[in-house]
């Protein structure tokens, strides 16, 4: 039997058709409803999890389910808020990378990420580093198709929910593009090991853009694995990480620059946190637990936000 923390989840697909210049975009939208059925006057809290397979959606859904179970009788705690947390996974359709109970095609998923997440075209997709129309289309799909579908049809919400967006590695970069293009769409961002080192131009864009004044100044939690800090190899001829679980030696410094830039833009930044004994790959479970506890505490401190 599927554990109850995941058995409550369901998945459907949203497909954006191909155009003359863009391929079809098939997205799996997974929904783990809020664990509590109790009526509350507070608007729903919705966590959108980008690139949810193979781990992030399940980890976040289980975190909400288990946390509320332990704190359901303690309404004065931040953890009790997990009972109102809907978790929504937004990612490439499983069929696009042959996902099954027995595994998935890692190379195919990597290429989908390279196609749709970086702000500039990845060299394995097309040479020249032009602005990436696929990533712009992904952001548009999230804002104009996924959110209305989820909040209107699934949640049946008559008021605007409070929203958070979680991304890790390359999907943290697409989350930054959401922040850049739609700064008022989400109240909170949870970013794990953001791979801005591959597209440092996005830091310049964020540093120069004037975030429009509104009553929802975004809060941002940023973390990396402490083991992502490595010494440059002795030959000094590469920035690629020599450790299998990491991706780039400049990732920590890029994350530091990101935190500084967002703080300079007057966003509420918590971090850079370095999670002990975790590398780029292994830190994702810790990101979910630490990032979601940060989110619940922020909601608890500002319940009307």
Protein backbone atom coordinates (compact mmCIF):
# COMPACT_ATOMS: atom_id res chain seq x y z
CA UNK A 1 0.00 0.00 0.00
CA UNK A 2 1.22 3.51 -0.80
CA UNK A 3 2.08 5.49 2.36
CA UNK A 4 -0.81 7.79 3.27
CA UNK A 5 1.41 10.84 3.00
CA UNK A 6 1.60 10.20 -0.75
CA UNK A 7 -1.62 8.24 -1.32
CA UNK A 8 -3.58 11.49 -1.12
CA UNK A 9 -1.68 12.92 -4.12
CA UNK A 10 -2.98 13.01 -7.68
CA UNK A 11 -1.43 14.00 -11.02
CA UNK A 12 -2.78 15.43 -14.26
CA UNK A 13 -1.13 16.89 -17.33
CA UNK A 14 -1.14 20.32 -18.95
CA UNK A 15 0.27 20.48 -22.48
CA UNK A 16 1.25 23.60 -24.36
CA UNK A 17 1.28 22.84 -28.09
CA UNK A 18 4.33 23.27 -30.26
CA UNK A 19 4.73 26.49 -32.23
CA UNK A 20 6.81 27.36 -35.27
CA UNK A 21 9.80 27.99 -32.98
CA UNK A 22 9.10 26.04 -29.77
CA UNK A 23 8.58 22.33 -29.09
CA UNK A 24 5.55 21.00 -27.25
CA UNK A 25 5.74 21.45 -23.48
CA UNK A 26 4.06 18.65 -21.52
CA UNK A 27 3.86 19.26 -17.76
CA UNK A 28 2.82 16.89 -15.00
CA UNK A 29 0.95 18.76 -12.26
CA UNK A 30 0.89 16.82 -8.98
CA UNK A 31 -1.27 17.86 -6.04
CA UNK A 32 -1.00 16.77 -2.42
CA UNK A 33 -3.97 18.44 -0.66
CA UNK A 34 -3.52 20.14 2.68
CA UNK A 35 -3.57 17.48 5.43
CA UNK A 36 -6.11 19.30 7.60
CA UNK A 37 -9.79 19.41 6.69
CA UNK A 38 -10.58 21.91 9.42
CA UNK A 39 -12.22 25.12 8.28
CA UNK A 40 -10.05 28.21 8.67
CA UNK A 41 -10.51 31.84 7.78
CA UNK A 42 -6.89 32.05 6.67
CA UNK A 43 -6.32 31.86 2.91
CA UNK A 44 -4.77 28.63 1.66
CA UNK A 45 -1.00 28.27 1.63
CA UNK A 46 0.23 26.76 -1.64
CA UNK A 47 3.78 25.56 -2.22
CA UNK A 48 4.66 25.11 -5.89
CA UNK A 49 7.58 22.71 -6.29
CA UNK A 50 9.50 23.03 -9.55
CA UNK A 51 11.15 20.00 -11.15
CA UNK A 52 9.37 17.69 -8.69
CA UNK A 53 10.80 14.36 -9.84
CA UNK A 54 12.55 12.35 -8.63
CA UNK A 55 12.44 13.64 -5.04
CA UNK A 56 11.25 17.18 -4.30
CA UNK A 57 7.47 16.78 -4.58
CA UNK A 58 7.33 13.57 -2.56
CA UNK A 59 9.62 14.99 0.12
CA UNK A 60 7.56 18.17 0.46
CA UNK A 61 4.24 16.29 0.51
CA UNK A 62 5.49 13.89 3.18
CA UNK A 63 6.91 16.77 5.21
CA UNK A 64 3.54 18.55 5.32
CA UNK A 65 1.68 15.34 6.16
CA UNK A 66 4.03 14.21 8.91
CA UNK A 67 4.53 17.64 10.47
CA UNK A 68 0.81 18.25 10.79
CA UNK A 69 0.34 14.81 12.29
CA UNK A 70 2.77 15.60 15.08
CA UNK A 71 1.49 19.16 15.69
CA UNK A 72 -2.23 18.89 14.90
CA UNK A 73 -3.14 19.43 18.56
CA UNK A 74 -0.82 22.44 18.96
CA UNK A 75 -2.50 25.30 17.05
CA UNK A 76 -0.21 27.94 18.54
CA UNK A 77 2.87 26.52 16.80
CA UNK A 78 4.28 27.35 13.39
CA UNK A 79 4.30 23.64 12.56
CA UNK A 80 0.52 23.49 12.90
CA UNK A 81 0.35 25.61 9.73
CA UNK A 82 1.48 22.58 7.72
CA UNK A 83 -2.13 21.40 7.94
CA UNK A 84 -3.10 24.19 5.52
CA UNK A 85 -0.21 23.56 3.12
CA UNK A 86 -1.11 22.36 -0.37
CA UNK A 87 1.92 20.99 -2.26
CA UNK A 88 1.89 21.32 -6.05
CA UNK A 89 4.53 19.68 -8.24
CA UNK A 90 5.22 21.36 -11.60
CA UNK A 91 7.59 19.53 -13.89
CA UNK A 92 8.17 17.79 -17.17
CA UNK A 93 5.77 14.96 -17.91
CA UNK A 94 7.12 11.63 -16.66
CA UNK A 95 6.66 10.12 -20.11
CA UNK A 96 9.16 12.63 -21.51
CA UNK A 97 12.00 11.03 -19.54
CA UNK A 98 10.69 7.47 -19.23
CA UNK A 99 9.97 7.69 -15.50
CA UNK A 100 8.55 4.52 -13.96
CA UNK A 101 8.69 2.63 -10.65
CA UNK A 102 12.01 1.23 -11.86
CA UNK A 103 13.81 4.51 -12.53
CA UNK A 104 14.06 7.15 -15.23
CA UNK A 105 16.25 8.30 -18.11
CA UNK A 106 18.64 10.70 -16.41
CA UNK A 107 20.12 11.98 -19.69
CA UNK A 108 16.66 12.75 -21.09
CA UNK A 109 15.63 14.64 -17.95
CA UNK A 110 18.91 16.56 -17.94
CA UNK A 111 18.29 17.70 -21.52
CA UNK A 112 14.74 18.79 -20.71
CA UNK A 113 16.11 20.87 -17.85
CA UNK A 114 18.78 22.35 -20.09
CA UNK A 115 16.15 23.19 -22.69
CA UNK A 116 13.58 24.83 -20.40
CA UNK A 117 15.32 26.23 -17.30
CA UNK A 118 18.36 28.42 -18.13
CA UNK A 119 17.70 32.05 -19.13
CA UNK A 120 20.09 31.64 -22.05
CA UNK A 121 20.19 28.73 -24.46
CA UNK A 122 22.34 25.88 -23.21
CA UNK A 123 25.18 24.96 -25.61
CA UNK A 124 23.96 21.36 -25.77
CA UNK A 125 20.65 22.67 -27.16
CA UNK A 126 21.89 25.46 -29.44
CA UNK A 127 25.17 27.36 -29.69
CA UNK A 128 25.36 31.11 -29.21
CA UNK A 129 23.73 31.68 -25.80
CA UNK A 130 20.74 33.59 -27.14
CA UNK A 131 17.92 34.49 -24.78
CA UNK A 132 16.03 31.28 -24.08
CA UNK A 133 12.46 31.42 -25.37
CA UNK A 134 11.81 28.00 -23.81
CA UNK A 135 12.45 29.27 -20.28
CA UNK A 136 10.24 32.30 -20.89
CA UNK A 137 7.51 29.95 -22.12
CA UNK A 138 7.92 27.78 -18.98
CA UNK A 139 7.49 30.84 -16.74
CA UNK A 140 4.44 31.90 -18.74
CA UNK A 141 2.98 28.40 -18.44
CA UNK A 142 3.36 28.51 -14.66
CA UNK A 143 1.75 31.94 -14.27
CA UNK A 144 -0.97 31.79 -16.93
CA UNK A 145 -1.89 28.10 -17.05
CA UNK A 146 -0.75 26.16 -13.98
CA UNK A 147 -1.68 28.61 -11.23
CA UNK A 148 -5.21 29.34 -12.56
CA UNK A 149 -5.81 25.62 -13.10
CA UNK A 150 -4.61 24.64 -9.63
CA UNK A 151 -6.18 27.44 -7.63
CA UNK A 152 -9.43 27.60 -9.57
CA UNK A 153 -10.21 24.01 -10.47
CA UNK A 154 -8.41 21.96 -7.81
CA UNK A 155 -8.51 24.24 -4.78
CA UNK A 156 -11.70 26.07 -5.72
CA UNK A 157 -10.25 29.08 -3.97
CA UNK A 158 -12.31 32.27 -4.03
CA UNK A 159 -9.47 34.32 -2.57
CA UNK A 160 -5.86 34.59 -3.65
CA UNK A 161 -3.83 32.00 -1.74
CA UNK A 162 -0.49 32.75 -0.18
CA UNK A 163 2.10 31.24 -2.50
CA UNK A 164 5.63 29.92 -2.18
CA UNK A 165 7.91 28.60 -4.92
CA UNK A 166 10.63 25.99 -4.35
CA UNK A 167 13.41 25.22 -6.80
CA UNK A 168 16.77 23.48 -6.56
CA UNK A 169 19.79 23.64 -8.84
CA UNK A 170 18.58 24.57 -12.35
CA UNK A 171 14.96 24.92 -11.24
CA UNK A 172 16.09 27.52 -8.69
CA UNK A 173 17.21 29.54 -11.71
CA UNK A 174 13.77 29.29 -13.31
CA UNK A 175 12.35 30.41 -9.94
CA UNK A 176 14.59 33.48 -10.16
CA UNK A 177 13.18 34.21 -13.62
CA UNK A 178 9.70 34.07 -12.09
CA UNK A 179 10.87 36.56 -9.46
CA UNK A 180 12.31 38.77 -12.18
CA UNK A 181 9.29 38.71 -14.51
CA UNK A 182 6.46 38.40 -11.96
CA UNK A 183 7.80 39.74 -8.63
CA UNK A 184 4.36 39.91 -7.00
CA UNK A 185 3.21 36.39 -7.95
CA UNK A 186 4.79 34.65 -4.94
CA UNK A 187 5.31 35.75 -1.35
CA UNK A 188 8.18 33.34 -0.61
CA UNK A 189 10.96 31.56 -2.49
CA UNK A 190 12.93 28.53 -1.27
CA UNK A 191 16.11 28.15 -3.35
CA UNK A 192 18.50 25.23 -3.02
CA UNK A 193 21.97 25.33 -4.59
CA UNK A 194 20.88 27.84 -7.27
CA UNK A 195 22.99 27.19 -10.36
CA UNK A 196 23.54 30.83 -11.27
CA UNK A 197 27.20 30.01 -11.98
CA UNK A 198 26.13 28.65 -15.40
CA UNK A 199 24.22 31.84 -16.29
CA UNK A 200 25.82 34.65 -14.25
CA UNK A 201 24.11 37.26 -16.44
CA UNK A 202 20.93 36.70 -14.44
CA UNK A 203 22.70 38.22 -11.43
CA UNK A 204 23.29 41.42 -13.41
CA UNK A 205 19.64 41.46 -14.45
CA UNK A 206 18.43 41.04 -10.87
CA UNK A 207 20.88 43.69 -9.64
CA UNK A 208 19.61 46.26 -12.13
CA UNK A 209 15.87 45.67 -12.03
CA UNK A 210 13.79 47.92 -9.78
CA UNK A 211 11.38 45.62 -8.00
CA UNK A 212 8.04 47.43 -8.18
CA UNK A 213 6.62 48.57 -4.87
CA UNK A 214 3.80 46.39 -3.59
CA UNK A 215 2.59 45.13 -0.24
CA UNK A 216 4.17 41.70 -0.63
CA UNK A 217 7.94 42.10 -0.48
CA UNK A 218 9.17 38.60 -1.34
CA UNK A 219 11.03 36.56 1.25
CA UNK A 220 13.84 34.30 0.03
CA UNK A 221 15.52 31.33 1.72
CA UNK A 222 18.80 30.24 0.11
CA UNK A 223 20.86 27.18 1.02
CA UNK A 224 23.66 25.07 -0.43
CA UNK A 225 25.38 21.92 0.73
CA UNK A 226 28.51 22.69 2.76
CA UNK A 227 30.34 20.03 0.77
CA UNK A 228 29.78 22.07 -2.40
CA UNK A 229 32.80 24.12 -1.34
CA UNK A 230 35.83 22.38 -2.80
CA UNK A 231 39.40 23.36 -3.55
CA UNK A 232 40.37 23.98 -7.15
CA UNK A 233 42.14 20.92 -8.60
CA UNK A 234 45.92 21.18 -8.58
CA UNK A 235 46.16 21.59 -12.36
CA UNK A 236 43.81 24.60 -12.14
CA UNK A 237 42.51 24.11 -15.67
CA UNK A 238 38.82 23.47 -14.98
CA UNK A 239 35.92 24.83 -12.97
CA UNK A 240 34.07 21.54 -13.18
CA UNK A 241 33.73 19.89 -9.80
CA UNK A 242 35.91 16.81 -9.22
CA UNK A 243 33.31 15.43 -6.79
CA UNK A 244 30.57 13.30 -8.35
CA UNK A 245 27.79 14.79 -6.21
CA UNK A 246 28.62 18.39 -7.15
CA UNK A 247 28.36 20.31 -10.40
CA UNK A 248 30.59 23.42 -10.40
CA UNK A 249 33.26 24.92 -8.17
CA UNK A 250 31.79 28.41 -8.55
CA UNK A 251 28.30 27.48 -7.34
CA UNK A 252 28.87 28.59 -3.70
CA UNK A 253 30.28 31.98 -4.69
CA UNK A 254 27.42 32.45 -7.16
CA UNK A 255 24.90 31.71 -4.41
CA UNK A 256 26.67 34.21 -2.14
CA UNK A 257 26.44 36.86 -4.86
CA UNK A 258 22.76 36.07 -5.34
CA UNK A 259 21.99 36.51 -1.63
CA UNK A 260 23.87 39.81 -1.55
CA UNK A 261 22.14 41.16 -4.67
CA UNK A 262 18.65 40.24 -3.49
CA UNK A 263 19.38 41.75 -0.09
CA UNK A 264 20.56 44.94 -1.80
CA UNK A 265 17.25 45.00 -3.70
CA UNK A 266 15.52 45.12 -0.27
CA UNK A 267 14.13 41.59 -0.38
CA UNK A 268 13.90 39.67 2.88
CA UNK A 269 16.76 37.19 2.44
CA UNK A 270 17.53 34.36 4.87
CA UNK A 271 20.87 32.85 3.98
CA UNK A 272 23.20 31.83 2.52
CA UNK A 273 22.84 28.70 4.67
CA UNK A 274 25.37 25.89 4.30
CA UNK A 275 23.98 22.50 5.25
CA UNK A 276 26.68 20.41 6.87
CA UNK A 277 27.85 17.17 5.22
CA UNK A 278 25.62 17.63 2.18
CA UNK A 279 26.70 18.08 -1.43
CA UNK A 280 24.76 19.39 -4.43
CA UNK A 281 22.89 16.13 -4.89
CA UNK A 282 22.25 15.05 -1.30
CA UNK A 283 21.16 18.44 0.07
CA UNK A 284 17.66 18.29 -1.45
CA UNK A 285 16.05 16.40 1.44
CA UNK A 286 17.55 18.83 3.94
CA UNK A 287 16.44 21.74 1.75
CA UNK A 288 12.83 20.57 2.00
CA UNK A 289 12.84 20.22 5.79
CA UNK A 290 14.75 23.44 6.48
CA UNK A 291 13.12 25.46 3.73
CA UNK A 292 9.59 24.44 4.65
CA UNK A 293 10.15 25.10 8.34
CA UNK A 294 11.41 28.56 7.38
CA UNK A 295 8.24 29.01 5.31
CA UNK A 296 5.92 27.89 8.11
CA UNK A 297 7.62 30.22 10.57
CA UNK A 298 7.35 33.16 8.20
CA UNK A 299 3.64 32.46 7.71
CA UNK A 300 3.17 32.10 11.46
CA UNK A 301 4.89 35.43 12.10
CA UNK A 302 2.78 37.23 9.49
CA UNK A 303 -0.49 35.27 9.28
CA UNK A 304 -2.33 37.90 7.26
CA UNK A 305 0.36 38.18 4.63
